[in-house]
């Protein structure tokens, strides 16, 4: 079964990807006709460049060839970086989205758009309607980056930068803009 196969391949692929200085964001194995499609999604704090993707593709291909008994047949390898529509599900996703607009759909309440501030292991600071508040990851059903076609407002970035020096996760109090 492909999901079982992905579980067995994940530590091998993660090691090859990590050696290139990036994170394994996702690994998926699907049956595609007579072949298997092995999709490897990689990311890093600095993003991933095309040359890195090629290097990682060669490294992962070599690892898969060394463990061909696990795949047991022909495969197609696809190495890519995450798209904008990737949900923010891990603290590192939120860290990489710092200062960007995100659309958040909470488990309870209405969806909203806010700008990402500092993150911790269990929550993120987010600017919504000029107020900064804590958002626990556990309270988020779905969150994705919103595409912006212009520079973020300087006052919003300043609020988030100033707030980044404070403590994260101290309740759900909001911090109002002071001017």
N, C-alpha and C. Protein backbone atom coordinates (compact mmCIF):
# COMPACT_ATOMS: atom_id res chain seq x y z
N UNK A 1 0.85 -1.19 0.00
CA UNK A 1 0.00 0.00 0.00
C UNK A 1 0.88 1.25 0.00
N UNK A 2 0.60 2.24 -0.84
CA UNK A 2 1.48 3.41 -0.95
C UNK A 2 1.71 4.16 0.36
N UNK A 3 0.71 4.32 1.22
CA UNK A 3 0.93 5.05 2.47
C UNK A 3 1.92 4.33 3.37
N UNK A 4 1.82 3.00 3.40
CA UNK A 4 2.80 2.22 4.16
C UNK A 4 4.18 2.39 3.56
N UNK A 5 4.23 2.41 2.25
CA UNK A 5 5.50 2.59 1.56
C UNK A 5 6.09 3.96 1.88
N UNK A 6 5.27 4.99 1.88
CA UNK A 6 5.75 6.34 2.23
C UNK A 6 6.31 6.35 3.65
N UNK A 7 5.67 5.67 4.56
CA UNK A 7 6.15 5.60 5.94
C UNK A 7 7.52 4.93 6.03
N UNK A 8 7.71 3.89 5.23
CA UNK A 8 9.01 3.20 5.23
C UNK A 8 10.10 4.03 4.55
N UNK A 9 9.71 4.79 3.53
CA UNK A 9 10.69 5.59 2.79
C UNK A 9 11.04 6.91 3.49
N UNK A 10 10.12 7.40 4.32
CA UNK A 10 10.29 8.74 4.90
C UNK A 10 11.62 8.96 5.61
N UNK A 11 12.08 8.07 6.50
CA UNK A 11 13.37 8.35 7.15
C UNK A 11 14.54 8.40 6.17
N UNK A 12 14.50 7.56 5.14
CA UNK A 12 15.57 7.55 4.14
C UNK A 12 15.58 8.84 3.33
N UNK A 13 14.39 9.25 2.90
CA UNK A 13 14.27 10.48 2.10
C UNK A 13 14.58 11.70 2.96
N UNK A 14 14.11 11.72 4.21
CA UNK A 14 14.37 12.86 5.11
C UNK A 14 15.86 13.05 5.33
N UNK A 15 16.59 11.95 5.45
CA UNK A 15 18.05 12.05 5.64
C UNK A 15 18.72 12.67 4.41
N UNK A 16 18.31 12.22 3.23
CA UNK A 16 18.89 12.76 1.98
C UNK A 16 18.54 14.23 1.82
N UNK A 17 17.31 14.59 2.12
CA UNK A 17 16.85 15.97 2.00
C UNK A 17 17.56 16.85 3.04
N UNK A 18 17.66 16.35 4.27
CA UNK A 18 18.33 17.10 5.34
C UNK A 18 19.79 17.37 5.04
N UNK A 19 20.45 16.42 4.37
CA UNK A 19 21.86 16.60 4.00
C UNK A 19 22.03 17.78 3.04
N UNK A 20 20.97 18.11 2.33
CA UNK A 20 21.01 19.26 1.41
C UNK A 20 20.65 20.57 2.12
N UNK A 21 20.36 20.49 3.43
CA UNK A 21 20.08 21.70 4.20
C UNK A 21 18.65 22.20 4.14
N UNK A 22 17.73 21.32 3.77
CA UNK A 22 16.32 21.71 3.72
C UNK A 22 15.49 20.69 4.51
N UNK A 23 14.23 21.03 4.73
CA UNK A 23 13.32 20.15 5.46
C UNK A 23 12.46 19.36 4.49
N UNK A 24 12.17 18.11 4.87
CA UNK A 24 11.18 17.33 4.15
C UNK A 24 9.82 17.77 4.66
N UNK A 25 9.06 18.42 3.81
CA UNK A 25 7.75 18.94 4.21
C UNK A 25 6.67 17.89 4.05
N UNK A 26 6.78 17.07 3.00
CA UNK A 26 5.80 16.01 2.77
C UNK A 26 6.40 14.97 1.83
N UNK A 27 5.94 13.74 2.02
CA UNK A 27 6.31 12.64 1.14
C UNK A 27 5.04 11.86 0.84
N UNK A 28 4.78 11.66 -0.44
CA UNK A 28 3.58 10.95 -0.84
C UNK A 28 3.96 9.94 -1.91
N UNK A 29 3.43 8.74 -1.80
CA UNK A 29 3.64 7.71 -2.81
C UNK A 29 2.27 7.26 -3.30
N UNK A 30 2.06 7.34 -4.62
CA UNK A 30 0.78 6.93 -5.21
C UNK A 30 1.05 6.00 -6.38
N UNK A 31 0.12 5.12 -6.62
CA UNK A 31 0.20 4.26 -7.79
C UNK A 31 -0.25 5.08 -8.99
N UNK A 32 0.55 5.08 -10.06
CA UNK A 32 0.22 5.81 -11.29
C UNK A 32 0.38 4.85 -12.45
N UNK A 33 -0.66 4.09 -12.71
CA UNK A 33 -0.56 3.06 -13.75
C UNK A 33 0.33 1.94 -13.25
N UNK A 34 1.33 1.59 -14.05
CA UNK A 34 2.25 0.53 -13.65
C UNK A 34 3.40 1.05 -12.79
N UNK A 35 3.50 2.33 -12.70
CA UNK A 35 4.59 2.95 -11.95
C UNK A 35 4.05 3.54 -10.65
N UNK A 36 4.96 3.88 -9.78
CA UNK A 36 4.60 4.61 -8.57
C UNK A 36 5.07 6.06 -8.76
N UNK A 37 4.30 7.00 -8.25
CA UNK A 37 4.70 8.40 -8.25
C UNK A 37 5.15 8.73 -6.84
N UNK A 38 6.42 9.09 -6.69
CA UNK A 38 6.98 9.47 -5.40
C UNK A 38 7.13 10.99 -5.42
N UNK A 39 6.29 11.65 -4.63
CA UNK A 39 6.30 13.12 -4.60
C UNK A 39 6.96 13.57 -3.30
N UNK A 40 8.01 14.36 -3.43
CA UNK A 40 8.78 14.86 -2.30
C UNK A 40 8.65 16.39 -2.28
N UNK A 41 8.11 16.92 -1.19
CA UNK A 41 7.95 18.37 -1.04
C UNK A 41 8.98 18.84 -0.02
N UNK A 42 9.82 19.80 -0.42
CA UNK A 42 10.89 20.31 0.44
C UNK A 42 10.73 21.81 0.66
N UNK A 43 11.26 22.28 1.78
CA UNK A 43 11.17 23.71 2.10
C UNK A 43 12.30 24.07 3.06
N UNK A 44 12.57 25.35 3.17
CA UNK A 44 13.53 25.84 4.15
C UNK A 44 13.16 27.27 4.52
N UNK A 45 13.77 27.78 5.56
CA UNK A 45 13.48 29.15 5.99
C UNK A 45 13.81 30.17 4.91
N UNK A 46 14.79 29.85 4.06
CA UNK A 46 15.20 30.76 2.99
C UNK A 46 14.56 30.44 1.65
N UNK A 47 13.60 29.49 1.66
CA UNK A 47 13.01 29.05 0.40
C UNK A 47 13.92 28.03 -0.27
N UNK A 48 13.51 27.53 -1.41
CA UNK A 48 14.27 26.52 -2.13
C UNK A 48 14.44 26.98 -3.56
N UNK A 49 15.69 26.98 -4.02
CA UNK A 49 15.99 27.40 -5.38
C UNK A 49 16.00 26.21 -6.33
N UNK A 50 15.87 26.49 -7.60
CA UNK A 50 15.80 25.46 -8.62
C UNK A 50 17.04 24.55 -8.60
N UNK A 51 18.22 25.13 -8.42
CA UNK A 51 19.44 24.32 -8.37
C UNK A 51 19.40 23.35 -7.18
N UNK A 52 18.84 23.80 -6.05
CA UNK A 52 18.72 22.93 -4.88
C UNK A 52 17.75 21.79 -5.16
N UNK A 53 16.66 22.09 -5.85
CA UNK A 53 15.67 21.06 -6.18
C UNK A 53 16.33 19.98 -7.04
N UNK A 54 17.15 20.39 -8.00
CA UNK A 54 17.84 19.43 -8.86
C UNK A 54 18.81 18.58 -8.04
N UNK A 55 19.56 19.21 -7.14
CA UNK A 55 20.51 18.50 -6.28
C UNK A 55 19.77 17.49 -5.38
N UNK A 56 18.67 17.93 -4.80
CA UNK A 56 17.88 17.07 -3.91
C UNK A 56 17.28 15.92 -4.70
N UNK A 57 16.83 16.19 -5.90
CA UNK A 57 16.26 15.16 -6.75
C UNK A 57 17.28 14.06 -7.03
N UNK A 58 18.51 14.45 -7.33
CA UNK A 58 19.57 13.45 -7.58
C UNK A 58 19.86 12.64 -6.31
N UNK A 59 19.92 13.32 -5.16
CA UNK A 59 20.21 12.63 -3.90
C UNK A 59 19.10 11.65 -3.53
N UNK A 60 17.86 12.08 -3.66
CA UNK A 60 16.72 11.21 -3.32
C UNK A 60 16.65 10.05 -4.31
N UNK A 61 16.89 10.30 -5.58
CA UNK A 61 16.88 9.24 -6.58
C UNK A 61 17.92 8.18 -6.25
N UNK A 62 19.08 8.61 -5.83
CA UNK A 62 20.15 7.68 -5.45
C UNK A 62 19.73 6.82 -4.26
N UNK A 63 19.11 7.44 -3.26
CA UNK A 63 18.64 6.71 -2.08
C UNK A 63 17.56 5.70 -2.47
N UNK A 64 16.62 6.13 -3.30
CA UNK A 64 15.55 5.23 -3.72
C UNK A 64 16.10 4.06 -4.53
N UNK A 65 17.10 4.33 -5.37
CA UNK A 65 17.72 3.25 -6.15
C UNK A 65 18.45 2.26 -5.23
N UNK A 66 19.05 2.76 -4.16
CA UNK A 66 19.74 1.89 -3.20
C UNK A 66 18.75 1.02 -2.42
N UNK A 67 17.52 1.47 -2.33
CA UNK A 67 16.48 0.74 -1.58
C UNK A 67 15.34 0.33 -2.52
N UNK A 68 15.71 -0.07 -3.74
CA UNK A 68 14.71 -0.42 -4.74
C UNK A 68 13.82 -1.58 -4.32
N UNK A 69 14.31 -2.40 -3.39
CA UNK A 69 13.49 -3.51 -2.89
C UNK A 69 12.24 -3.02 -2.16
N UNK A 70 12.29 -1.81 -1.61
CA UNK A 70 11.12 -1.24 -0.94
C UNK A 70 10.06 -0.79 -1.94
N UNK A 71 10.50 -0.20 -3.04
CA UNK A 71 9.57 0.30 -4.04
C UNK A 71 9.05 -0.83 -4.91
N UNK A 72 9.88 -1.81 -5.18
CA UNK A 72 9.51 -3.00 -5.94
C UNK A 72 8.86 -2.67 -7.29
N UNK A 73 9.59 -1.94 -8.10
CA UNK A 73 9.09 -1.63 -9.43
C UNK A 73 9.51 -0.25 -9.88
N UNK A 74 9.01 0.12 -11.03
CA UNK A 74 9.35 1.42 -11.61
C UNK A 74 8.66 2.54 -10.84
N UNK A 75 9.32 3.70 -10.80
CA UNK A 75 8.74 4.86 -10.13
C UNK A 75 9.12 6.14 -10.87
N UNK A 76 8.32 7.16 -10.66
CA UNK A 76 8.62 8.51 -11.14
C UNK A 76 8.82 9.36 -9.91
N UNK A 77 9.91 10.11 -9.89
CA UNK A 77 10.22 10.97 -8.75
C UNK A 77 9.89 12.42 -9.09
N UNK A 78 9.17 13.07 -8.21
CA UNK A 78 8.85 14.49 -8.36
C UNK A 78 9.30 15.20 -7.09
N UNK A 79 10.23 16.14 -7.22
CA UNK A 79 10.69 16.94 -6.10
C UNK A 79 10.25 18.37 -6.34
N UNK A 80 9.61 18.96 -5.35
CA UNK A 80 9.04 20.30 -5.52
C UNK A 80 9.06 21.05 -4.20
N UNK A 81 8.80 22.33 -4.28
CA UNK A 81 8.62 23.13 -3.07
C UNK A 81 7.12 23.33 -2.88
N UNK A 82 6.70 23.65 -1.66
CA UNK A 82 5.26 23.80 -1.43
C UNK A 82 4.70 25.00 -2.16
N UNK A 83 3.47 24.89 -2.58
CA UNK A 83 2.80 26.01 -3.23
C UNK A 83 2.19 26.94 -2.21
N UNK A 84 1.69 28.06 -2.67
CA UNK A 84 1.05 29.02 -1.78
C UNK A 84 -0.18 28.45 -1.09
N UNK A 85 -0.78 27.46 -1.70
CA UNK A 85 -2.00 26.90 -1.12
C UNK A 85 -1.74 25.86 -0.04
N UNK A 86 -0.46 25.63 0.28
CA UNK A 86 -0.14 24.68 1.34
C UNK A 86 -0.68 25.20 2.67
N UNK A 87 -1.41 24.39 3.38
CA UNK A 87 -1.91 24.84 4.70
C UNK A 87 -0.75 25.00 5.69
N UNK A 88 -0.89 25.96 6.58
CA UNK A 88 0.08 26.17 7.64
C UNK A 88 -0.29 25.22 8.78
N UNK A 89 0.47 24.14 8.93
CA UNK A 89 0.11 23.12 9.91
C UNK A 89 1.17 22.90 10.98
N UNK A 90 2.36 23.43 10.77
CA UNK A 90 3.46 23.22 11.72
C UNK A 90 4.04 24.58 12.12
N UNK A 91 4.64 24.66 13.31
CA UNK A 91 5.25 25.93 13.73
C UNK A 91 6.22 26.51 12.69
N UNK A 92 6.98 25.65 12.01
CA UNK A 92 7.93 26.17 11.02
C UNK A 92 7.21 26.81 9.83
N UNK A 93 6.00 26.32 9.49
CA UNK A 93 5.23 26.95 8.41
C UNK A 93 4.86 28.38 8.81
N UNK A 94 4.43 28.54 10.07
CA UNK A 94 4.06 29.87 10.56
C UNK A 94 5.29 30.77 10.62
N UNK A 95 6.45 30.22 11.04
CA UNK A 95 7.68 31.01 11.10
C UNK A 95 8.05 31.51 9.71
N UNK A 96 7.90 30.66 8.72
CA UNK A 96 8.25 31.03 7.35
C UNK A 96 7.25 32.00 6.74
N UNK A 97 6.07 32.10 7.34
CA UNK A 97 5.04 33.03 6.85
C UNK A 97 5.04 34.34 7.63
N UNK A 98 6.04 34.56 8.47
CA UNK A 98 6.09 35.78 9.30
C UNK A 98 5.96 37.02 8.43
N UNK A 99 5.11 37.94 8.86
CA UNK A 99 4.81 39.22 8.22
C UNK A 99 3.91 39.07 6.99
N UNK A 100 3.49 37.88 6.68
CA UNK A 100 2.59 37.67 5.53
C UNK A 100 1.16 37.61 6.01
N UNK A 101 0.25 37.92 5.09
CA UNK A 101 -1.18 37.80 5.39
C UNK A 101 -1.58 36.34 5.28
N UNK A 102 -2.43 35.90 6.22
CA UNK A 102 -2.95 34.54 6.18
C UNK A 102 -4.46 34.57 6.39
N UNK A 103 -5.15 33.64 5.75
CA UNK A 103 -6.58 33.45 5.98
C UNK A 103 -6.70 32.27 6.93
N UNK A 104 -7.34 32.53 8.08
CA UNK A 104 -7.47 31.53 9.13
C UNK A 104 -8.94 31.13 9.26
N UNK A 105 -9.18 29.85 9.24
CA UNK A 105 -10.51 29.31 9.53
C UNK A 105 -10.39 28.56 10.85
N UNK A 106 -10.93 29.15 11.93
CA UNK A 106 -10.82 28.48 13.23
C UNK A 106 -11.84 27.34 13.36
N UNK A 107 -11.63 26.48 14.33
CA UNK A 107 -12.61 25.42 14.60
C UNK A 107 -13.94 26.03 15.02
N UNK A 108 -13.87 27.14 15.75
CA UNK A 108 -15.08 27.83 16.18
C UNK A 108 -14.99 29.29 15.75
N UNK A 109 -16.10 29.84 15.29
CA UNK A 109 -16.12 31.23 14.86
C UNK A 109 -15.90 31.38 13.38
N UNK A 110 -15.87 32.63 12.95
CA UNK A 110 -15.76 32.96 11.52
C UNK A 110 -14.31 33.03 11.08
N UNK A 111 -14.10 32.81 9.81
CA UNK A 111 -12.77 32.95 9.22
C UNK A 111 -12.35 34.41 9.27
N UNK A 112 -11.05 34.65 9.30
CA UNK A 112 -10.52 36.00 9.32
C UNK A 112 -9.17 36.03 8.63
N UNK A 113 -8.74 37.25 8.29
CA UNK A 113 -7.43 37.46 7.68
C UNK A 113 -6.60 38.26 8.66
N UNK A 114 -5.35 37.85 8.84
CA UNK A 114 -4.45 38.56 9.73
C UNK A 114 -3.02 38.44 9.25
N UNK A 115 -2.14 39.23 9.86
CA UNK A 115 -0.73 39.22 9.49
C UNK A 115 0.05 38.48 10.58
N UNK A 116 0.91 37.57 10.17
CA UNK A 116 1.63 36.68 11.08
C UNK A 116 2.77 37.41 11.77
N UNK A 117 2.84 37.20 13.08
CA UNK A 117 3.94 37.71 13.89
C UNK A 117 4.80 36.57 14.39
N UNK A 118 5.31 36.72 15.61
CA UNK A 118 6.20 35.71 16.20
C UNK A 118 5.43 34.43 16.50
N UNK A 119 6.15 33.31 16.40
CA UNK A 119 5.51 32.01 16.64
C UNK A 119 6.23 31.29 17.76
N UNK A 120 5.52 30.35 18.38
CA UNK A 120 6.12 29.46 19.37
C UNK A 120 5.73 28.04 18.99
N UNK A 121 6.02 27.09 19.83
CA UNK A 121 5.69 25.70 19.52
C UNK A 121 4.19 25.43 19.50
N UNK A 122 3.39 26.23 20.24
CA UNK A 122 1.95 25.93 20.29
C UNK A 122 1.05 27.09 19.89
N UNK A 123 1.64 28.26 19.58
CA UNK A 123 0.80 29.39 19.17
C UNK A 123 1.58 30.38 18.33
N UNK A 124 0.83 31.32 17.77
CA UNK A 124 1.43 32.36 16.94
C UNK A 124 0.76 33.69 17.31
N UNK A 125 1.51 34.77 17.20
CA UNK A 125 0.93 36.10 17.38
C UNK A 125 0.46 36.54 16.01
N UNK A 126 -0.74 37.12 15.96
CA UNK A 126 -1.30 37.50 14.67
C UNK A 126 -1.99 38.86 14.80
N UNK A 127 -1.76 39.72 13.83
CA UNK A 127 -2.34 41.06 13.81
C UNK A 127 -3.63 41.02 13.02
N UNK A 128 -4.74 41.31 13.71
CA UNK A 128 -6.06 41.31 13.10
C UNK A 128 -6.73 42.63 13.46
N UNK A 129 -7.08 43.43 12.46
CA UNK A 129 -7.74 44.72 12.68
C UNK A 129 -6.98 45.58 13.68
N UNK A 130 -5.66 45.70 13.46
CA UNK A 130 -4.77 46.55 14.26
C UNK A 130 -4.60 46.08 15.70
N UNK A 131 -5.01 44.85 16.00
CA UNK A 131 -4.82 44.28 17.33
C UNK A 131 -4.04 42.98 17.21
N UNK A 132 -3.08 42.81 18.11
CA UNK A 132 -2.28 41.59 18.11
C UNK A 132 -2.87 40.65 19.15
N UNK A 133 -3.02 39.40 18.73
CA UNK A 133 -3.54 38.41 19.66
C UNK A 133 -2.83 37.08 19.46
N UNK A 134 -2.93 36.23 20.47
CA UNK A 134 -2.39 34.88 20.38
C UNK A 134 -3.39 33.98 19.69
N UNK A 135 -2.89 33.13 18.84
CA UNK A 135 -3.72 32.15 18.16
C UNK A 135 -3.07 30.79 18.39
N UNK A 136 -3.76 29.93 19.10
CA UNK A 136 -3.25 28.58 19.35
C UNK A 136 -3.45 27.74 18.09
N UNK A 137 -2.41 26.99 17.71
CA UNK A 137 -2.51 26.15 16.52
C UNK A 137 -3.67 25.16 16.66
N UNK A 138 -3.91 24.69 17.88
CA UNK A 138 -4.98 23.73 18.12
C UNK A 138 -6.36 24.31 17.80
N UNK A 139 -6.47 25.64 17.78
CA UNK A 139 -7.75 26.30 17.49
C UNK A 139 -7.97 26.54 16.00
N UNK A 140 -7.00 26.19 15.18
CA UNK A 140 -7.04 26.47 13.74
C UNK A 140 -7.48 25.23 12.97
N UNK A 141 -8.56 25.36 12.23
CA UNK A 141 -9.00 24.27 11.34
C UNK A 141 -8.15 24.29 10.08
N UNK A 142 -7.95 25.51 9.51
CA UNK A 142 -7.15 25.66 8.28
C UNK A 142 -6.59 27.07 8.23
N UNK A 143 -5.37 27.19 7.74
CA UNK A 143 -4.76 28.51 7.53
C UNK A 143 -3.88 28.43 6.29
N UNK A 144 -4.00 29.44 5.43
CA UNK A 144 -3.19 29.51 4.21
C UNK A 144 -2.75 30.95 3.99
N UNK A 145 -1.62 31.09 3.32
CA UNK A 145 -1.08 32.41 3.00
C UNK A 145 -1.95 33.05 1.92
N UNK A 146 -2.25 34.33 2.10
CA UNK A 146 -2.99 35.12 1.11
C UNK A 146 -1.98 35.80 0.18
N UNK A 147 -2.29 35.84 -1.08
CA UNK A 147 -1.42 36.51 -2.05
C UNK A 147 -1.60 38.02 -1.91
N UNK A 148 -0.49 38.75 -1.81
CA UNK A 148 -0.52 40.22 -1.74
C UNK A 148 0.22 40.76 -2.97
N UNK A 149 -0.35 41.77 -3.58
CA UNK A 149 0.26 42.35 -4.77
C UNK A 149 0.98 43.66 -4.49
N UNK A 150 0.98 44.08 -3.22
CA UNK A 150 1.71 45.30 -2.86
C UNK A 150 2.41 45.06 -1.53
N UNK A 151 3.31 45.98 -1.20
CA UNK A 151 4.05 45.87 0.05
C UNK A 151 3.11 45.96 1.25
N UNK A 152 3.39 45.19 2.30
CA UNK A 152 2.57 45.30 3.52
C UNK A 152 2.70 46.70 4.11
N UNK A 153 1.64 47.19 4.75
CA UNK A 153 1.71 48.51 5.38
C UNK A 153 2.81 48.56 6.44
N UNK A 154 3.60 49.61 6.41
CA UNK A 154 4.74 49.75 7.33
C UNK A 154 4.30 49.74 8.79
N UNK A 155 3.14 50.34 9.08
CA UNK A 155 2.69 50.38 10.48
C UNK A 155 2.37 48.98 11.01
N UNK A 156 1.85 48.10 10.15
CA UNK A 156 1.56 46.73 10.57
C UNK A 156 2.86 45.97 10.84
N UNK A 157 3.84 46.15 9.97
CA UNK A 157 5.13 45.48 10.16
C UNK A 157 5.80 45.96 11.45
N UNK A 158 5.72 47.27 11.72
CA UNK A 158 6.31 47.82 12.94
C UNK A 158 5.66 47.23 14.17
N UNK A 159 4.33 47.16 14.18
CA UNK A 159 3.63 46.56 15.32
C UNK A 159 4.10 45.13 15.58
N UNK A 160 4.22 44.36 14.52
CA UNK A 160 4.64 42.97 14.68
C UNK A 160 6.10 42.86 15.09
N UNK A 161 6.96 43.72 14.54
CA UNK A 161 8.37 43.71 14.94
C UNK A 161 8.52 44.07 16.40
N UNK A 162 7.83 45.12 16.84
CA UNK A 162 7.88 45.54 18.25
C UNK A 162 7.35 44.44 19.16
N UNK A 163 6.30 43.77 18.73
CA UNK A 163 5.69 42.71 19.53
C UNK A 163 6.58 41.47 19.59
N UNK A 164 7.41 41.26 18.59
CA UNK A 164 8.27 40.08 18.55
C UNK A 164 9.22 39.98 19.71
N UNK A 165 9.47 41.10 20.40
CA UNK A 165 10.35 41.10 21.56
C UNK A 165 9.62 40.64 22.81
N UNK A 166 8.28 40.63 22.76
CA UNK A 166 7.49 40.25 23.93
C UNK A 166 7.37 38.75 24.06
N UNK A 167 6.66 38.32 25.07
CA UNK A 167 6.46 36.91 25.32
C UNK A 167 5.29 36.40 24.50
N UNK A 168 5.42 35.18 24.03
CA UNK A 168 4.38 34.55 23.23
C UNK A 168 3.63 33.57 24.11
N UNK A 169 2.32 33.53 23.91
CA UNK A 169 1.53 32.50 24.55
C UNK A 169 1.04 32.84 25.94
N UNK A 170 1.00 34.09 26.30
CA UNK A 170 0.51 34.48 27.62
C UNK A 170 -0.97 34.82 27.55
N UNK A 171 -1.78 33.81 27.28
CA UNK A 171 -3.23 34.04 27.23
C UNK A 171 -3.68 34.54 25.88
N UNK A 172 -4.91 35.06 25.85
CA UNK A 172 -5.46 35.53 24.58
C UNK A 172 -5.73 37.02 24.63
N UNK A 173 -5.00 37.72 25.47
CA UNK A 173 -5.15 39.16 25.55
C UNK A 173 -4.74 39.78 24.22
N UNK A 174 -5.30 40.93 23.92
CA UNK A 174 -4.87 41.64 22.72
C UNK A 174 -4.05 42.84 23.13
N UNK A 175 -3.16 43.23 22.26
CA UNK A 175 -2.33 44.40 22.49
C UNK A 175 -2.78 45.45 21.50
N UNK A 176 -3.27 46.56 21.98
CA UNK A 176 -3.77 47.61 21.10
C UNK A 176 -2.60 48.47 20.63
N UNK A 177 -2.75 49.01 19.46
CA UNK A 177 -1.74 49.91 18.91
C UNK A 177 -1.66 51.14 19.79
N UNK A 178 -0.43 51.53 20.15
CA UNK A 178 -0.26 52.73 20.97
C UNK A 178 0.47 53.79 20.17
N UNK A 179 -0.16 54.91 20.08
CA UNK A 179 0.46 56.04 19.32
C UNK A 179 0.15 57.31 20.03
